[in-house]
Protein backbone atom coordinates (compact mmCIF):
# COMPACT_ATOMS: atom_id res chain seq x y z
CA UNK A 1 10.05 -1.13 10.82
CA UNK A 2 9.50 -3.96 8.41
CA UNK A 3 5.76 -3.98 9.11
CA UNK A 4 5.47 -0.53 7.55
CA UNK A 5 6.40 -1.98 4.21
CA UNK A 6 3.71 -4.60 4.57
CA UNK A 7 1.27 -1.83 5.39
CA UNK A 8 1.87 -0.45 1.95
CA UNK A 9 1.65 -3.94 0.52
CA UNK A 10 -1.83 -4.01 2.02
CA UNK A 11 -2.56 -0.73 0.32
CA UNK A 12 -1.56 -2.25 -2.96
CA UNK A 13 -3.95 -5.09 -2.27
CA UNK A 14 -6.82 -2.68 -2.73
CA UNK A 15 -6.28 -3.24 -6.42
CA UNK A 16 -3.92 -5.41 -8.44
CA UNK A 17 -1.15 -6.39 -6.03
CA UNK A 18 2.59 -6.39 -6.35
CA UNK A 19 4.62 -6.54 -3.16
CA UNK A 20 7.50 -4.11 -2.90
CA UNK A 21 10.49 -3.98 -0.59
CA UNK A 22 9.68 -3.05 2.97
CA UNK A 23 12.62 -0.68 3.20
CA UNK A 24 11.29 1.38 0.29
CA UNK A 25 8.07 2.38 2.00
CA UNK A 26 9.22 2.89 5.58
CA UNK A 27 7.74 6.41 5.40
CA UNK A 28 4.17 5.13 5.83
CA UNK A 29 1.88 8.18 6.25
CA UNK A 30 -0.22 7.25 9.29
CA UNK A 31 -2.04 9.83 11.32
CA UNK A 32 -1.53 9.96 15.05
CA UNK A 33 -5.17 9.55 15.95
CA UNK A 34 -5.10 6.85 18.58
CA UNK A 35 -7.92 4.95 20.22
CA UNK A 36 -8.66 1.59 21.73
CA UNK A 37 -11.28 -1.00 21.06
CA UNK A 38 -11.89 -4.49 19.78
CA UNK A 39 -12.59 -5.78 16.32
CA UNK A 40 -15.60 -7.67 15.11
CA UNK A 41 -13.72 -10.59 13.56
CA UNK A 42 -10.73 -10.63 15.94
CA UNK A 43 -11.77 -9.88 19.54
CA UNK A 44 -8.13 -9.81 20.70
CA UNK A 45 -7.25 -6.78 18.62
CA UNK A 46 -6.78 -3.34 20.15
CA UNK A 47 -6.99 -0.40 17.78
CA UNK A 48 -3.97 1.87 17.74
CA UNK A 49 -5.03 4.45 15.18
CA UNK A 50 -6.78 4.92 11.88
CA UNK A 51 -6.28 6.92 8.72
CA UNK A 52 -8.67 8.37 6.15
CA UNK A 53 -7.58 7.32 2.68
CA UNK A 54 -8.88 8.40 -0.72
CA UNK A 55 -8.57 5.64 -3.33
CA UNK A 56 -9.57 6.40 -6.90
CA UNK A 57 -11.93 9.08 -5.62
CA UNK A 58 -13.45 6.96 -2.81
CA UNK A 59 -13.00 8.01 0.82
CA UNK A 60 -12.16 4.92 2.89
CA UNK A 61 -10.74 4.16 6.31
CA UNK A 62 -7.60 2.18 7.13
CA UNK A 63 -7.22 0.93 10.71
CA UNK A 64 -4.10 -0.37 12.44
CA UNK A 65 -4.53 -2.67 15.45
CA UNK A 66 -2.29 -4.85 17.58
CA UNK A 67 -3.39 -8.45 18.12
CA UNK A 68 -2.13 -10.69 20.91
CA UNK A 69 -2.87 -14.08 19.36
CA UNK A 70 -1.23 -17.05 17.70
CA UNK A 71 -1.58 -16.75 13.94
CA UNK A 72 -2.33 -20.45 13.45
CA UNK A 73 -5.13 -20.50 16.02
CA UNK A 74 -6.54 -17.29 14.62
CA UNK A 75 -6.61 -18.67 11.07
CA UNK A 76 -8.33 -21.87 12.21
CA UNK A 77 -10.97 -19.77 13.94
CA UNK A 78 -11.45 -17.60 10.87
CA UNK A 79 -11.98 -20.69 8.70
CA UNK A 80 -15.12 -21.49 10.71
CA UNK A 81 -16.75 -18.18 9.85
CA UNK A 82 -19.70 -18.05 7.44
CA UNK A 83 -19.49 -16.93 4.79
CA UNK A 84 -16.02 -18.39 4.67
CA UNK A 85 -13.25 -15.83 4.18
CA UNK A 86 -10.46 -16.20 1.64
CA UNK A 87 -7.14 -16.69 3.43
CA UNK A 88 -3.80 -16.04 1.71
CA UNK A 89 -0.86 -16.97 3.98
CA UNK A 90 2.63 -15.65 3.30
CA UNK A 91 6.05 -15.94 4.96
CA UNK A 92 5.67 -12.80 7.08
CA UNK A 93 2.00 -11.90 6.74
CA UNK A 94 -1.45 -13.34 6.10
CA UNK A 95 -4.21 -11.67 4.11
CA UNK A 96 -7.83 -12.40 5.06
CA UNK A 97 -10.64 -11.29 2.74
CA UNK A 98 -14.13 -11.34 4.27
CA UNK A 99 -17.17 -10.94 1.98
CA UNK A 100 -19.72 -8.50 3.36
CA UNK A 101 -22.41 -8.56 0.69
CA UNK A 102 -23.58 -5.66 -1.48
CA UNK A 103 -20.32 -5.94 -3.45
CA UNK A 104 -18.26 -5.02 -0.39
CA UNK A 105 -15.45 -6.80 1.42
CA UNK A 106 -13.23 -6.37 4.44
CA UNK A 107 -9.52 -7.01 4.00
CA UNK A 108 -7.32 -7.72 7.00
CA UNK A 109 -3.56 -7.98 6.62
CA UNK A 110 -2.02 -9.72 9.64
CA UNK A 111 1.70 -9.01 9.92
CA UNK A 112 3.84 -11.26 12.10
CA UNK A 113 5.44 -8.58 14.29
CA UNK A 114 6.72 -10.89 17.08
CA UNK A 115 5.91 -14.32 18.52
CA UNK A 116 2.30 -14.15 19.70
CA UNK A 117 1.91 -10.58 18.45
CA UNK A 118 0.36 -9.50 15.17
CA UNK A 119 -0.33 -6.17 13.53
CA UNK A 120 -3.68 -5.97 11.77
CA UNK A 121 -4.28 -3.54 8.91
CA UNK A 122 -8.00 -3.45 8.15
CA UNK A 123 -9.95 -1.79 5.36
CA UNK A 124 -13.53 -2.13 4.16
CA UNK A 125 -13.83 -1.44 0.46
CA UNK A 126 -15.76 -2.34 -2.69
CA UNK A 127 -14.96 -5.62 -4.40
CA UNK A 128 -14.06 -3.54 -7.46
CA UNK A 129 -12.55 -0.09 -7.19
CA UNK A 130 -13.55 2.63 -9.68
CA UNK A 131 -11.72 2.34 -12.98
CA UNK A 132 -12.71 5.82 -14.10
CA UNK A 133 -11.10 8.57 -12.05
CA UNK A 134 -8.93 11.66 -12.35
CA UNK A 135 -5.24 11.01 -11.80
CA UNK A 136 -3.80 13.53 -9.29
CA UNK A 137 -1.49 16.06 -10.91
CA UNK A 138 0.86 15.67 -7.92
CA UNK A 139 1.80 12.14 -9.09
CA UNK A 140 3.99 11.95 -12.21
CA UNK A 141 2.60 9.51 -14.77
CA UNK A 142 5.02 8.20 -17.44
CA UNK A 143 4.10 8.54 -21.09
CA UNK A 144 1.90 5.65 -22.22
CA UNK A 145 1.34 4.31 -18.69
CA UNK A 146 -1.97 2.67 -17.75
CA UNK A 147 -3.43 4.05 -14.51
CA UNK A 148 -4.28 1.40 -11.87
CA UNK A 149 -4.85 3.06 -8.49
CA UNK A 150 -3.95 6.16 -6.56
CA UNK A 151 -4.16 6.80 -2.84
CA UNK A 152 -4.22 10.14 -1.05
CA UNK A 153 -3.62 10.58 2.70
CA UNK A 154 -5.08 14.01 3.43
CA UNK A 155 -3.73 14.42 6.95
CA UNK A 156 -0.19 13.81 5.72
CA UNK A 157 -0.72 15.33 2.27
CA UNK A 158 0.91 12.17 0.87
CA UNK A 159 0.26 10.41 -2.43
CA UNK A 160 0.74 6.89 -3.73
CA UNK A 161 0.22 5.88 -7.35
CA UNK A 162 0.25 2.53 -9.15
CA UNK A 163 0.37 2.08 -12.92
CA UNK A 164 1.37 -0.38 -15.63
CA UNK A 165 3.93 0.00 -18.41
CA UNK A 166 5.36 -2.39 -20.97
CA UNK A 167 7.82 -4.97 -19.66
CA UNK A 168 10.64 -3.35 -21.63
CA UNK A 169 9.67 0.21 -20.68
CA UNK A 170 10.58 0.34 -16.98
CA UNK A 171 13.81 2.27 -17.49
CA UNK A 172 12.27 4.87 -19.80
CA UNK A 173 9.26 5.23 -17.48
CA UNK A 174 11.54 5.80 -14.50
CA UNK A 175 13.41 8.40 -16.54
CA UNK A 176 10.09 10.15 -17.29
CA UNK A 177 9.33 10.29 -13.57
CA UNK A 178 12.83 11.53 -12.81
CA UNK A 179 12.54 14.31 -15.41
CA UNK A 180 9.14 15.37 -14.09
CA UNK A 181 10.25 15.45 -10.46
CA UNK A 182 13.52 17.23 -11.20
CA UNK A 183 11.61 19.96 -13.03
CA UNK A 184 9.75 20.57 -9.75
CA UNK A 185 12.85 20.86 -7.58
CA UNK A 186 13.40 17.20 -6.68
CA UNK A 187 16.84 15.57 -6.75
CA UNK A 188 17.52 11.90 -7.47
CA UNK A 189 19.71 10.40 -4.76
CA UNK A 190 20.88 7.46 -6.85
CA UNK A 191 19.85 4.98 -4.16
CA UNK A 192 18.20 1.81 -5.40
CA UNK A 193 16.48 0.03 -2.52
CA UNK A 194 17.06 -3.70 -2.22
CA UNK A 195 14.30 -6.24 -2.68
CA UNK A 196 12.45 -4.46 -5.46
CA UNK A 197 13.03 -7.16 -8.05
CA UNK A 198 13.30 -4.38 -10.59
CA UNK A 199 14.22 -0.72 -10.97
CA UNK A 200 13.81 1.95 -8.33
CA UNK A 201 14.93 5.42 -7.32
CA UNK A 202 14.76 7.65 -4.25
CA UNK A 203 14.23 11.40 -4.56
CA UNK A 204 14.61 14.29 -2.11
CA UNK A 205 13.38 17.88 -2.18
CA UNK A 206 14.86 20.51 0.10
CA UNK A 207 12.22 23.25 -0.19
CA UNK A 208 9.63 22.38 0.85
CA UNK A 209 11.19 19.23 2.33
CA UNK A 210 9.90 16.01 0.84
CA UNK A 211 10.73 12.41 -0.05
CA UNK A 212 9.64 10.46 -3.12
CA UNK A 213 10.23 6.83 -4.02
CA UNK A 214 9.49 5.18 -7.35
CA UNK A 215 9.81 1.47 -8.10
CA UNK A 216 9.13 -0.94 -10.94
CA UNK A 217 8.66 -4.71 -10.66
CA UNK A 218 7.37 -7.49 -12.93
CA UNK A 219 3.59 -7.61 -13.37
CA UNK A 220 1.42 -10.71 -13.41
CA UNK A 221 1.40 -10.42 -17.17
CA UNK A 222 4.95 -10.99 -18.41
CA UNK A 223 4.29 -8.36 -21.06
CA UNK A 224 3.91 -5.65 -18.40
CA UNK A 225 5.73 -4.09 -15.45
CA UNK A 226 4.08 -2.44 -12.47
CA UNK A 227 5.26 1.01 -11.49
CA UNK A 228 4.64 2.69 -8.15
CA UNK A 229 5.45 6.10 -6.77
CA UNK A 230 5.05 7.40 -3.24
CA UNK A 231 5.40 11.11 -2.42
CA UNK A 232 5.20 12.67 1.03
CA UNK A 233 6.35 15.87 2.72
CA UNK A 234 8.93 15.76 5.50
CA UNK A 235 7.86 17.88 8.45
């Protein structure tokens, strides 16, 4: 289920990006709407399902497809496109950013699922997401934190939030989140997921059943840390 973590990494790429451990976000809130078809940029892809996502007040669509292709050949083919896409290869995934004009872009995260098989997470979105928006009350926000992005998955009633705090404030910010969640019936499980590169905590709520995960990792600016929180019901 490692690719599920990279799915959330793709979600983070809608704004400022910090990759988090795959095991932390293995509760990815996809819908079960399935369909088949081919993509415009990658003819080999077959759509599995898609999900409506609200990001900073914008309603967008995230699509998951399976691609039977060699990643190297696919990248070489993409390089010949005009306008040329930006390609960001990684050890287990490759991000492709395709300019669409009118201040829009298509982002495709190709995850190396198996030899000759890729998973493609695709989203069309503005080059710049709204900076002015209302933070959902369902997502705890630590004192003094700077809002970055939030995501809401309506069909799963799940929330994801990203924010910045001072580099020395991760522990106190996590404590703020813990206090807020515990006041609403959540219980900290004391389980720090590996691979975060920082501080993290897992929470559980019995009634109604739910899971929450918060994590902090170093930001691009050494003076800041990026915090994330993901909350979803368990049905």
